[in-house]
Amino acid sequence: MPFLVLLLMCIIQTALVARDAVLVSHAARVGARIASVDQSLSGIRSAVTEATPLDPARLDVEREVTGDLVRVTVQYRSPTEVPLVGALVGDVGLTESAAMPVER
């Protein structure tokens, strides 16, 4: 029985990290969309944090402009909060990038 409980906790933690990965991907797309019209890093950060329920303290946003293309990279430290599993695994780093052409 303890093994099944631990297995269930691992499955729940994996699902939570997968959810965060989808949210990070969405945040990168939102950031790239905003960066295509407004390249200020503060505007991109604010759009990314408003577009997702992720903890802004664990979120990092970077922008890179090369020619007519802007790339936004979002990094997030996904917390592992499920009892026992979180202590064994630790936070998971998630990174996603999205690129869009710059609108002038």
PDB file of N, CA and C in Angstrom:
ATOM      1  N   MET A   1       0.804  -1.201   0.000  1.00  0.00           N
ATOM      2  CA  MET A   1       0.000   0.000   0.000  1.00  0.00           C
ATOM      3  C   MET A   1       0.856   1.278   0.000  1.00  0.00           C
ATOM      4  N   PRO A   2       1.920   1.375   0.798  1.00  0.00           N
ATOM      5  CA  PRO A   2       2.737   2.596   0.771  1.00  0.00           C
ATOM      6  C   PRO A   2       3.343   2.854  -0.614  1.00  0.00           C
ATOM      7  N   PHE A   3       3.697   1.789  -1.315  1.00  0.00           N
ATOM      8  CA  PHE A   3       4.245   1.953  -2.653  1.00  0.00           C
ATOM      9  C   PHE A   3       3.209   2.581  -3.584  1.00  0.00           C
ATOM     10  N   LEU A   4       1.963   2.163  -3.487  1.00  0.00           N
ATOM     11  CA  LEU A   4       0.910   2.717  -4.344  1.00  0.00           C
ATOM     12  C   LEU A   4       0.649   4.187  -4.030  1.00  0.00           C
ATOM     13  N   VAL A   5       0.717   4.548  -2.772  1.00  0.00           N
ATOM     14  CA  VAL A   5       0.533   5.944  -2.379  1.00  0.00           C
ATOM     15  C   VAL A   5       1.671   6.793  -2.940  1.00  0.00           C
ATOM     16  N   LEU A   6       2.895   6.310  -2.828  1.00  0.00           N
ATOM     17  CA  LEU A   6       4.045   7.028  -3.373  1.00  0.00           C
ATOM     18  C   LEU A   6       3.948   7.139  -4.892  1.00  0.00           C
ATOM     19  N   LEU A   7       3.519   6.090  -5.544  1.00  0.00           N
ATOM     20  CA  LEU A   7       3.339   6.112  -6.998  1.00  0.00           C
ATOM     21  C   LEU A   7       2.282   7.142  -7.389  1.00  0.00           C
ATOM     22  N   LEU A   8       1.186   7.194  -6.666  1.00  0.00           N
ATOM     23  CA  LEU A   8       0.131   8.164  -6.939  1.00  0.00           C
ATOM     24  C   LEU A   8       0.649   9.589  -6.753  1.00  0.00           C
ATOM     25  N   MET A   9       1.444   9.820  -5.729  1.00  0.00           N
ATOM     26  CA  MET A   9       2.031  11.145  -5.501  1.00  0.00           C
ATOM     27  C   MET A   9       2.965  11.539  -6.639  1.00  0.00           C
ATOM     28  N   CYS A  10       3.743  10.586  -7.132  1.00  0.00           N
ATOM     29  CA  CYS A  10       4.633  10.856  -8.273  1.00  0.00           C
ATOM     30  C   CYS A  10       3.836  11.221  -9.516  1.00  0.00           C
ATOM     31  N   ILE A  11       2.747  10.534  -9.743  1.00  0.00           N
ATOM     32  CA  ILE A  11       1.900  10.819 -10.905  1.00  0.00           C
ATOM     33  C   ILE A  11       1.291  12.218 -10.787  1.00  0.00           C
ATOM     34  N   ILE A  12       0.834  12.564  -9.598  1.00  0.00           N
ATOM     35  CA  ILE A  12       0.256  13.894  -9.386  1.00  0.00           C
ATOM     36  C   ILE A  12       1.315  14.976  -9.612  1.00  0.00           C
ATOM     37  N   GLN A  13       2.528  14.773  -9.083  1.00  0.00           N
ATOM     38  CA  GLN A  13       3.589  15.761  -9.267  1.00  0.00           C
ATOM     39  C   GLN A  13       3.966  15.895 -10.734  1.00  0.00           C
ATOM     40  N   THR A  14       4.019  14.783 -11.460  1.00  0.00           N
ATOM     41  CA  THR A  14       4.327  14.827 -12.887  1.00  0.00           C
ATOM     42  C   THR A  14       3.266  15.618 -13.637  1.00  0.00           C
ATOM     43  N   ALA A  15       2.008  15.426 -13.283  1.00  0.00           N
ATOM     44  CA  ALA A  15       0.926  16.168 -13.933  1.00  0.00           C
ATOM     45  C   ALA A  15       1.035  17.665 -13.645  1.00  0.00           C
ATOM     46  N   LEU A  16       1.411  18.037 -12.440  1.00  0.00           N
ATOM     47  CA  LEU A  16       1.570  19.453 -12.101  1.00  0.00           C
ATOM     48  C   LEU A  16       2.722  20.092 -12.878  1.00  0.00           C
ATOM     49  N   VAL A  17       3.821  19.380 -13.030  1.00  0.00           N
ATOM     50  CA  VAL A  17       4.955  19.902 -13.812  1.00  0.00           C
ATOM     51  C   VAL A  17       4.572  20.001 -15.290  1.00  0.00           C
ATOM     52  N   ALA A  18       3.826  19.020 -15.799  1.00  0.00           N
ATOM     53  CA  ALA A  18       3.374  19.070 -17.197  1.00  0.00           C
ATOM     54  C   ALA A  18       2.452  20.271 -17.408  1.00  0.00           C
ATOM     55  N   ARG A  19       1.588  20.548 -16.448  1.00  0.00           N
ATOM     56  CA  ARG A  19       0.715  21.731 -16.523  1.00  0.00           C
ATOM     57  C   ARG A  19       1.554  23.001 -16.585  1.00  0.00           C
ATOM     58  N   ASP A  20       2.567  23.096 -15.741  1.00  0.00           N
ATOM     59  CA  ASP A  20       3.442  24.261 -15.753  1.00  0.00           C
ATOM     60  C   ASP A  20       4.186  24.389 -17.083  1.00  0.00           C
ATOM     61  N   ALA A  21       4.572  23.271 -17.678  1.00  0.00           N
ATOM     62  CA  ALA A  21       5.263  23.307 -18.973  1.00  0.00           C
ATOM     63  C   ALA A  21       4.354  23.888 -20.053  1.00  0.00           C
ATOM     64  N   VAL A  22       3.080  23.520 -20.035  1.00  0.00           N
ATOM     65  CA  VAL A  22       2.129  24.078 -21.000  1.00  0.00           C
ATOM     66  C   VAL A  22       1.953  25.576 -20.763  1.00  0.00           C
ATOM     67  N   LEU A  23       1.867  25.983 -19.496  1.00  0.00           N
ATOM     68  CA  LEU A  23       1.723  27.402 -19.180  1.00  0.00           C
ATOM     69  C   LEU A  23       2.963  28.210 -19.573  1.00  0.00           C
ATOM     70  N   VAL A  24       4.146  27.641 -19.421  1.00  0.00           N
ATOM     71  CA  VAL A  24       5.381  28.321 -19.835  1.00  0.00           C
ATOM     72  C   VAL A  24       5.403  28.484 -21.353  1.00  0.00           C
ATOM     73  N   SER A  25       4.967  27.472 -22.077  1.00  0.00           N
ATOM     74  CA  SER A  25       4.893  27.560 -23.533  1.00  0.00           C
ATOM     75  C   SER A  25       3.918  28.661 -23.959  1.00  0.00           C
ATOM     76  N   HIS A  26       2.773  28.710 -23.307  1.00  0.00           N
ATOM     77  CA  HIS A  26       1.793  29.762 -23.598  1.00  0.00           C
ATOM     78  C   HIS A  26       2.368  31.144 -23.291  1.00  0.00           C
ATOM     79  N   ALA A  27       3.057  31.261 -22.169  1.00  0.00           N
ATOM     80  CA  ALA A  27       3.652  32.539 -21.774  1.00  0.00           C
ATOM     81  C   ALA A  27       4.689  32.996 -22.791  1.00  0.00           C
ATOM     82  N   ALA A  28       5.478  32.072 -23.339  1.00  0.00           N
ATOM     83  CA  ALA A  28       6.482  32.431 -24.348  1.00  0.00           C
ATOM     84  C   ALA A  28       5.804  32.933 -25.619  1.00  0.00           C
ATOM     85  N   ARG A  29       4.714  32.299 -26.020  1.00  0.00           N
ATOM     86  CA  ARG A  29       3.988  32.754 -27.216  1.00  0.00           C
ATOM     87  C   ARG A  29       3.390  34.141 -27.003  1.00  0.00           C
ATOM     88  N   VAL A  30       2.816  34.363 -25.830  1.00  0.00           N
ATOM     89  CA  VAL A  30       2.256  35.682 -25.517  1.00  0.00           C
ATOM     90  C   VAL A  30       3.371  36.732 -25.530  1.00  0.00           C
ATOM     91  N   GLY A  31       4.496  36.405 -24.911  1.00  0.00           N
ATOM     92  CA  GLY A  31       5.621  37.335 -24.886  1.00  0.00           C
ATOM     93  C   GLY A  31       6.137  37.663 -26.279  1.00  0.00           C
ATOM     94  N   ALA A  32       6.220  36.667 -27.142  1.00  0.00           N
ATOM     95  CA  ALA A  32       6.687  36.905 -28.514  1.00  0.00           C
ATOM     96  C   ALA A  32       5.696  37.771 -29.278  1.00  0.00           C
ATOM     97  N   ARG A  33       4.415  37.533 -29.062  1.00  0.00           N
ATOM     98  CA  ARG A  33       3.390  38.337 -29.735  1.00  0.00           C
ATOM     99  C   ARG A  33       3.491  39.801 -29.316  1.00  0.00           C
ATOM    100  N   ILE A  34       3.659  40.042 -28.017  1.00  0.00           N
ATOM    101  CA  ILE A  34       3.794  41.414 -27.521  1.00  0.00           C
ATOM    102  C   ILE A  34       5.111  42.021 -27.999  1.00  0.00           C
ATOM    103  N   ALA A  35       6.182  41.239 -27.986  1.00  0.00           N
ATOM    104  CA  ALA A  35       7.498  41.741 -28.393  1.00  0.00           C
ATOM    105  C   ALA A  35       7.536  42.118 -29.867  1.00  0.00           C
ATOM    106  N   SER A  36       6.668  41.534 -30.670  1.00  0.00           N
ATOM    107  CA  SER A  36       6.674  41.872 -32.094  1.00  0.00           C
ATOM    108  C   SER A  36       6.208  43.306 -32.336  1.00  0.00           C
ATOM    109  N   VAL A  37       5.422  43.864 -31.406  1.00  0.00           N
ATOM    110  CA  VAL A  37       4.963  45.245 -31.559  1.00  0.00           C
ATOM    111  C   VAL A  37       5.575  46.192 -30.535  1.00  0.00           C
ATOM    112  N   ASP A  38       5.952  45.700 -29.381  1.00  0.00           N
ATOM    113  CA  ASP A  38       6.537  46.522 -28.315  1.00  0.00           C
ATOM    114  C   ASP A  38       7.738  45.775 -27.760  1.00  0.00           C
ATOM    115  N   GLN A  39       8.935  46.235 -28.085  1.00  0.00           N
ATOM    116  CA  GLN A  39      10.129  45.483 -27.713  1.00  0.00           C
ATOM    117  C   GLN A  39      10.677  45.849 -26.342  1.00  0.00           C
ATOM    118  N   SER A  40       9.953  46.627 -25.545  1.00  0.00           N
ATOM    119  CA  SER A  40      10.445  46.952 -24.210  1.00  0.00           C
ATOM    120  C   SER A  40      10.321  45.716 -23.312  1.00  0.00           C
ATOM    121  N   LEU A  41      11.376  45.407 -22.620  1.00  0.00           N
ATOM    122  CA  LEU A  41      11.408  44.211 -21.780  1.00  0.00           C
ATOM    123  C   LEU A  41      10.388  44.294 -20.648  1.00  0.00           C
ATOM    124  N   SER A  42      10.171  45.479 -20.115  1.00  0.00           N
ATOM    125  CA  SER A  42       9.187  45.613 -19.032  1.00  0.00           C
ATOM    126  C   SER A  42       7.779  45.330 -19.532  1.00  0.00           C
ATOM    127  N   GLY A  43       7.446  45.761 -20.750  1.00  0.00           N
ATOM    128  CA  GLY A  43       6.136  45.472 -21.328  1.00  0.00           C
ATOM    129  C   GLY A  43       5.944  43.993 -21.600  1.00  0.00           C
ATOM    130  N   ILE A  44       7.011  43.346 -22.051  1.00  0.00           N
ATOM    131  CA  ILE A  44       6.945  41.908 -22.323  1.00  0.00           C
ATOM    132  C   ILE A  44       6.766  41.146 -21.012  1.00  0.00           C
ATOM    133  N   ARG A  45       7.552  41.500 -20.001  1.00  0.00           N
ATOM    134  CA  ARG A  45       7.442  40.829 -18.689  1.00  0.00           C
ATOM    135  C   ARG A  45       6.040  40.974 -18.110  1.00  0.00           C
ATOM    136  N   SER A  46       5.497  42.161 -18.188  1.00  0.00           N
ATOM    137  CA  SER A  46       4.170  42.371 -17.615  1.00  0.00           C
ATOM    138  C   SER A  46       3.113  41.590 -18.381  1.00  0.00           C
ATOM    139  N   ALA A  47       3.210  41.503 -19.699  1.00  0.00           N
ATOM    140  CA  ALA A  47       2.252  40.718 -20.489  1.00  0.00           C
ATOM    141  C   ALA A  47       2.364  39.233 -20.166  1.00  0.00           C
ATOM    142  N   VAL A  48       3.592  38.764 -19.992  1.00  0.00           N
ATOM    143  CA  VAL A  48       3.809  37.341 -19.673  1.00  0.00           C
ATOM    144  C   VAL A  48       3.242  37.007 -18.295  1.00  0.00           C
ATOM    145  N   THR A  49       3.494  37.843 -17.309  1.00  0.00           N
ATOM    146  CA  THR A  49       3.002  37.541 -15.963  1.00  0.00           C
ATOM    147  C   THR A  49       1.484  37.654 -15.872  1.00  0.00           C
ATOM    148  N   GLU A  50       0.874  38.534 -16.672  1.00  0.00           N
ATOM    149  CA  GLU A  50      -0.580  38.655 -16.670  1.00  0.00           C
ATOM    150  C   GLU A  50      -1.261  37.519 -17.426  1.00  0.00           C
ATOM    151  N   ALA A  51      -0.547  36.895 -18.355  1.00  0.00           N
ATOM    152  CA  ALA A  51      -1.148  35.869 -19.212  1.00  0.00           C
ATOM    153  C   ALA A  51      -1.180  34.488 -18.577  1.00  0.00           C
ATOM    154  N   THR A  52      -0.531  34.333 -17.444  1.00  0.00           N
ATOM    155  CA  THR A  52      -0.430  33.000 -16.864  1.00  0.00           C
ATOM    156  C   THR A  52      -0.519  33.066 -15.343  1.00  0.00           C
ATOM    157  N   PRO A  53      -1.041  32.028 -14.716  1.00  0.00           N
ATOM    158  CA  PRO A  53      -1.131  32.020 -13.251  1.00  0.00           C
ATOM    159  C   PRO A  53       0.175  31.594 -12.555  1.00  0.00           C
ATOM    160  N   LEU A  54       1.258  31.478 -13.304  1.00  0.00           N
ATOM    161  CA  LEU A  54       2.536  31.071 -12.721  1.00  0.00           C
ATOM    162  C   LEU A  54       3.044  32.136 -11.754  1.00  0.00           C
ATOM    163  N   ASP A  55       3.816  31.710 -10.765  1.00  0.00           N
ATOM    164  CA  ASP A  55       4.380  32.605  -9.759  1.00  0.00           C
ATOM    165  C   ASP A  55       5.422  33.519 -10.410  1.00  0.00           C
ATOM    166  N   PRO A  56       5.193  34.829 -10.439  1.00  0.00           N
ATOM    167  CA  PRO A  56       6.147  35.740 -11.094  1.00  0.00           C
ATOM    168  C   PRO A  56       7.534  35.726 -10.464  1.00  0.00           C
ATOM    169  N   ALA A  57       7.640  35.367  -9.196  1.00  0.00           N
ATOM    170  CA  ALA A  57       8.952  35.324  -8.542  1.00  0.00           C
ATOM    171  C   ALA A  57       9.810  34.188  -9.082  1.00  0.00           C
ATOM    172  N   ARG A  58       9.192  33.181  -9.677  1.00  0.00           N
ATOM    173  CA  ARG A  58       9.926  32.034 -10.219  1.00  0.00           C
ATOM    174  C   ARG A  58      10.099  32.138 -11.737  1.00  0.00           C
ATOM    175  N   LEU A  59       9.660  33.247 -12.314  1.00  0.00           N
ATOM    176  CA  LEU A  59       9.612  33.420 -13.763  1.00  0.00           C
ATOM    177  C   LEU A  59      10.712  34.365 -14.224  1.00  0.00           C
ATOM    178  N   ASP A  60      11.383  34.029 -15.309  1.00  0.00           N
ATOM    179  CA  ASP A  60      12.397  34.899 -15.897  1.00  0.00           C
ATOM    180  C   ASP A  60      12.107  35.030 -17.386  1.00  0.00           C
ATOM    181  N   VAL A  61      12.140  36.267 -17.888  1.00  0.00           N
ATOM    182  CA  VAL A  61      11.823  36.535 -19.291  1.00  0.00           C
ATOM    183  C   VAL A  61      13.012  37.222 -19.942  1.00  0.00           C
ATOM    184  N   GLU A  62      13.411  36.722 -21.111  1.00  0.00           N
ATOM    185  CA  GLU A  62      14.495  37.336 -21.883  1.00  0.00           C
ATOM    186  C   GLU A  62      14.010  37.573 -23.302  1.00  0.00           C
ATOM    187  N   ARG A  63      14.542  38.615 -23.941  1.00  0.00           N
ATOM    188  CA  ARG A  63      14.198  38.894 -25.326  1.00  0.00           C
ATOM    189  C   ARG A  63      15.478  39.055 -26.121  1.00  0.00           C
ATOM    190  N   GLU A  64      15.418  38.603 -27.371  1.00  0.00           N
ATOM    191  CA  GLU A  64      16.562  38.716 -28.277  1.00  0.00           C
ATOM    192  C   GLU A  64      16.044  39.116 -29.651  1.00  0.00           C
ATOM    193  N   VAL A  65      16.594  40.201 -30.179  1.00  0.00           N
ATOM    194  CA  VAL A  65      16.193  40.677 -31.504  1.00  0.00           C
ATOM    195  C   VAL A  65      17.337  40.426 -32.471  1.00  0.00           C
ATOM    196  N   THR A  66      17.037  39.710 -33.548  1.00  0.00           N
ATOM    197  CA  THR A  66      18.027  39.475 -34.600  1.00  0.00           C
ATOM    198  C   THR A  66      17.365  39.802 -35.930  1.00  0.00           C
ATOM    199  N   GLY A  67      17.788  40.910 -36.520  1.00  0.00           N
ATOM    200  CA  GLY A  67      17.197  41.321 -37.789  1.00  0.00           C
ATOM    201  C   GLY A  67      15.727  41.665 -37.617  1.00  0.00           C
ATOM    202  N   ASP A  68      14.880  40.991 -38.371  1.00  0.00           N
ATOM    203  CA  ASP A  68      13.437  41.228 -38.305  1.00  0.00           C
ATOM    204  C   ASP A  68      12.716  40.206 -37.445  1.00  0.00           C
ATOM    205  N   LEU A  69      13.447  39.514 -36.589  1.00  0.00           N
ATOM    206  CA  LEU A  69      12.857  38.468 -35.764  1.00  0.00           C
ATOM    207  C   LEU A  69      13.137  38.749 -34.286  1.00  0.00           C
ATOM    208  N   VAL A  70      12.116  38.618 -33.460  1.00  0.00           N
ATOM    209  CA  VAL A  70      12.286  38.775 -32.021  1.00  0.00           C
ATOM    210  C   VAL A  70      11.961  37.434 -31.363  1.00  0.00           C
ATOM    211  N   ARG A  71      12.837  37.005 -30.475  1.00  0.00           N
ATOM    212  CA  ARG A  71      12.658  35.739 -29.767  1.00  0.00           C
ATOM    213  C   ARG A  71      12.540  36.024 -28.275  1.00  0.00           C
ATOM    214  N   VAL A  72      11.498  35.457 -27.675  1.00  0.00           N
ATOM    215  CA  VAL A  72      11.283  35.599 -26.236  1.00  0.00           C
ATOM    216  C   VAL A  72      11.478  34.233 -25.596  1.00  0.00           C
ATOM    217  N   THR A  73      12.303  34.191 -24.565  1.00  0.00           N
ATOM    218  CA  THR A  73      12.560  32.960 -23.826  1.00  0.00           C
ATOM    219  C   THR A  73      12.031  33.132 -22.410  1.00  0.00           C
ATOM    220  N   VAL A  74      11.210  32.177 -21.990  1.00  0.00           N
ATOM    221  CA  VAL A  74      10.649  32.185 -20.652  1.00  0.00           C
ATOM    222  C   VAL A  74      11.217  31.004 -19.892  1.00  0.00           C
ATOM    223  N   GLN A  75      11.774  31.275 -18.728  1.00  0.00           N
ATOM    224  CA  GLN A  75      12.300  30.228 -17.852  1.00  0.00           C
ATOM    225  C   GLN A  75      11.494  30.242 -16.563  1.00  0.00           C
ATOM    226  N   TYR A  76      11.183  29.053 -16.068  1.00  0.00           N
ATOM    227  CA  TYR A  76      10.369  28.943 -14.859  1.00  0.00           C
ATOM    228  C   TYR A  76      10.880  27.792 -14.008  1.00  0.00           C
ATOM    229  N   ARG A  77      10.972  28.030 -12.706  1.00  0.00           N
ATOM    230  CA  ARG A  77      11.327  26.977 -11.754  1.00  0.00           C
ATOM    231  C   ARG A  77      10.033  26.411 -11.187  1.00  0.00           C
ATOM    232  N   SER A  78       9.612  25.285 -11.707  1.00  0.00           N
ATOM    233  CA  SER A  78       8.361  24.665 -11.287  1.00  0.00           C
ATOM    234  C   SER A  78       8.543  24.032  -9.908  1.00  0.00           C
ATOM    235  N   PRO A  79       7.720  24.460  -8.943  1.00  0.00           N
ATOM    236  CA  PRO A  79       7.874  23.910  -7.600  1.00  0.00           C
ATOM    237  C   PRO A  79       7.345  22.475  -7.510  1.00  0.00           C
ATOM    238  N   THR A  80       8.022  21.670  -6.747  1.00  0.00           N
ATOM    239  CA  THR A  80       7.539  20.315  -6.477  1.00  0.00           C
ATOM    240  C   THR A  80       7.029  20.317  -5.048  1.00  0.00           C
ATOM    241  N   GLU A  81       5.720  20.451  -4.917  1.00  0.00           N
ATOM    242  CA  GLU A  81       5.116  20.657  -3.610  1.00  0.00           C
ATOM    243  C   GLU A  81       4.395  19.435  -3.061  1.00  0.00           C
ATOM    244  N   VAL A  82       4.313  18.377  -3.849  1.00  0.00           N
ATOM    245  CA  VAL A  82       3.633  17.178  -3.371  1.00  0.00           C
ATOM    246  C   VAL A  82       4.495  16.561  -2.264  1.00  0.00           C
ATOM    247  N   PRO A  83       3.883  16.216  -1.135  1.00  0.00           N
ATOM    248  CA  PRO A  83       4.666  15.653  -0.029  1.00  0.00           C
ATOM    249  C   PRO A  83       5.496  14.442  -0.452  1.00  0.00           C
ATOM    250  N   LEU A  84       6.646  14.305   0.107  1.00  0.00           N
ATOM    251  CA  LEU A  84       7.635  13.253  -0.151  1.00  0.00           C
ATOM    252  C   LEU A  84       8.286  13.405  -1.515  1.00  0.00           C
ATOM    253  N   VAL A  85       7.515  13.542  -2.556  1.00  0.00           N
ATOM    254  CA  VAL A  85       8.072  13.638  -3.911  1.00  0.00           C
ATOM    255  C   VAL A  85       8.861  14.929  -4.064  1.00  0.00           C
ATOM    256  N   GLY A  86       8.314  16.024  -3.566  1.00  0.00           N
ATOM    257  CA  GLY A  86       9.002  17.308  -3.674  1.00  0.00           C
ATOM    258  C   GLY A  86      10.356  17.303  -3.004  1.00  0.00           C
ATOM    259  N   ALA A  87      10.443  16.668  -1.872  1.00  0.00           N
ATOM    260  CA  ALA A  87      11.720  16.599  -1.161  1.00  0.00           C
ATOM    261  C   ALA A  87      12.729  15.736  -1.908  1.00  0.00           C
ATOM    262  N   LEU A  88      12.255  14.744  -2.620  1.00  0.00           N
ATOM    263  CA  LEU A  88      13.152  13.848  -3.359  1.00  0.00           C
ATOM    264  C   LEU A  88      13.626  14.448  -4.677  1.00  0.00           C
ATOM    265  N   VAL A  89      12.759  15.184  -5.350  1.00  0.00           N
ATOM    266  CA  VAL A  89      13.052  15.660  -6.706  1.00  0.00           C
ATOM    267  C   VAL A  89      13.608  17.074  -6.713  1.00  0.00           C
ATOM    268  N   GLY A  90      13.026  17.978  -5.975  1.00  0.00           N
ATOM    269  CA  GLY A  90      13.433  19.378  -6.032  1.00  0.00           C
ATOM    270  C   GLY A  90      12.736  20.091  -7.183  1.00  0.00           C
ATOM    271  N   ASP A  91      12.925  21.394  -7.263  1.00  0.00           N
ATOM    272  CA  ASP A  91      12.280  22.177  -8.312  1.00  0.00           C
ATOM    273  C   ASP A  91      12.764  21.755  -9.693  1.00  0.00           C
ATOM    274  N   VAL A  92      11.858  21.863 -10.666  1.00  0.00           N
ATOM    275  CA  VAL A  92      12.157  21.472 -12.046  1.00  0.00           C
ATOM    276  C   VAL A  92      12.268  22.742 -12.887  1.00  0.00           C
ATOM    277  N   GLY A  93      13.350  22.882 -13.630  1.00  0.00           N
ATOM    278  CA  GLY A  93      13.539  24.038 -14.502  1.00  0.00           C
ATOM    279  C   GLY A  93      12.880  23.811 -15.852  1.00  0.00           C
ATOM    280  N   LEU A  94      12.043  24.749 -16.254  1.00  0.00           N
ATOM    281  CA  LEU A  94      11.353  24.672 -17.540  1.00  0.00           C
ATOM    282  C   LEU A  94      11.744  25.884 -18.377  1.00  0.00           C
ATOM    283  N   THR A  95      12.023  25.670 -19.656  1.00  0.00           N
ATOM    284  CA  THR A  95      12.396  26.751 -20.558  1.00  0.00           C
ATOM    285  C   THR A  95      11.655  26.582 -21.871  1.00  0.00           C
ATOM    286  N   GLU A  96      11.140  27.687 -22.385  1.00  0.00           N
ATOM    287  CA  GLU A  96      10.451  27.670 -23.675  1.00  0.00           C
ATOM    288  C   GLU A  96      10.750  28.970 -24.395  1.00  0.00           C
ATOM    289  N   SER A  97      10.903  28.906 -25.726  1.00  0.00           N
ATOM    290  CA  SER A  97      11.148  30.081 -26.552  1.00  0.00           C
ATOM    291  C   SER A  97      10.104  30.155 -27.655  1.00  0.00           C
ATOM    292  N   ALA A  98       9.808  31.372 -28.061  1.00  0.00           N
ATOM    293  CA  ALA A  98       8.914  31.599 -29.193  1.00  0.00           C
ATOM    294  C   ALA A  98       9.448  32.801 -29.966  1.00  0.00           C
ATOM    295  N   ALA A  99       9.294  32.770 -31.266  1.00  0.00           N
ATOM    296  CA  ALA A  99       9.796  33.854 -32.116  1.00  0.00           C
ATOM    297  C   ALA A  99       8.685  34.367 -33.012  1.00  0.00           C
ATOM    298  N   MET A 100       8.746  35.664 -33.304  1.00  0.00           N
ATOM    299  CA  MET A 100       7.782  36.319 -34.184  1.00  0.00           C
ATOM    300  C   MET A 100       8.512  37.385 -34.994  1.00  0.00           C
ATOM    301  N   PRO A 101       8.010  37.686 -36.182  1.00  0.00           N
ATOM    302  CA  PRO A 101       8.608  38.786 -36.932  1.00  0.00           C
ATOM    303  C   PRO A 101       8.262  40.135 -36.296  1.00  0.00           C
ATOM    304  N   VAL A 102       9.198  41.054 -36.346  1.00  0.00           N
ATOM    305  CA  VAL A 102       8.992  42.386 -35.772  1.00  0.00           C
ATOM    306  C   VAL A 102       8.069  43.179 -36.692  1.00  0.00           C
ATOM    307  N   GLU A 103       7.026  43.763 -36.108  1.00  0.00           N
ATOM    308  CA  GLU A 103       6.126  44.613 -36.880  1.00  0.00           C
ATOM    309  C   GLU A 103       6.589  46.058 -36.766  1.00  0.00           C
ATOM    310  N   ARG A 104       6.671  46.711 -37.851  1.00  0.00           N
ATOM    311  CA  ARG A 104       7.136  48.106 -37.854  1.00  0.00           C
ATOM    312  C   ARG A 104       6.060  49.040 -38.314  1.00  0.00           C
TER     313      ARG A 104
END
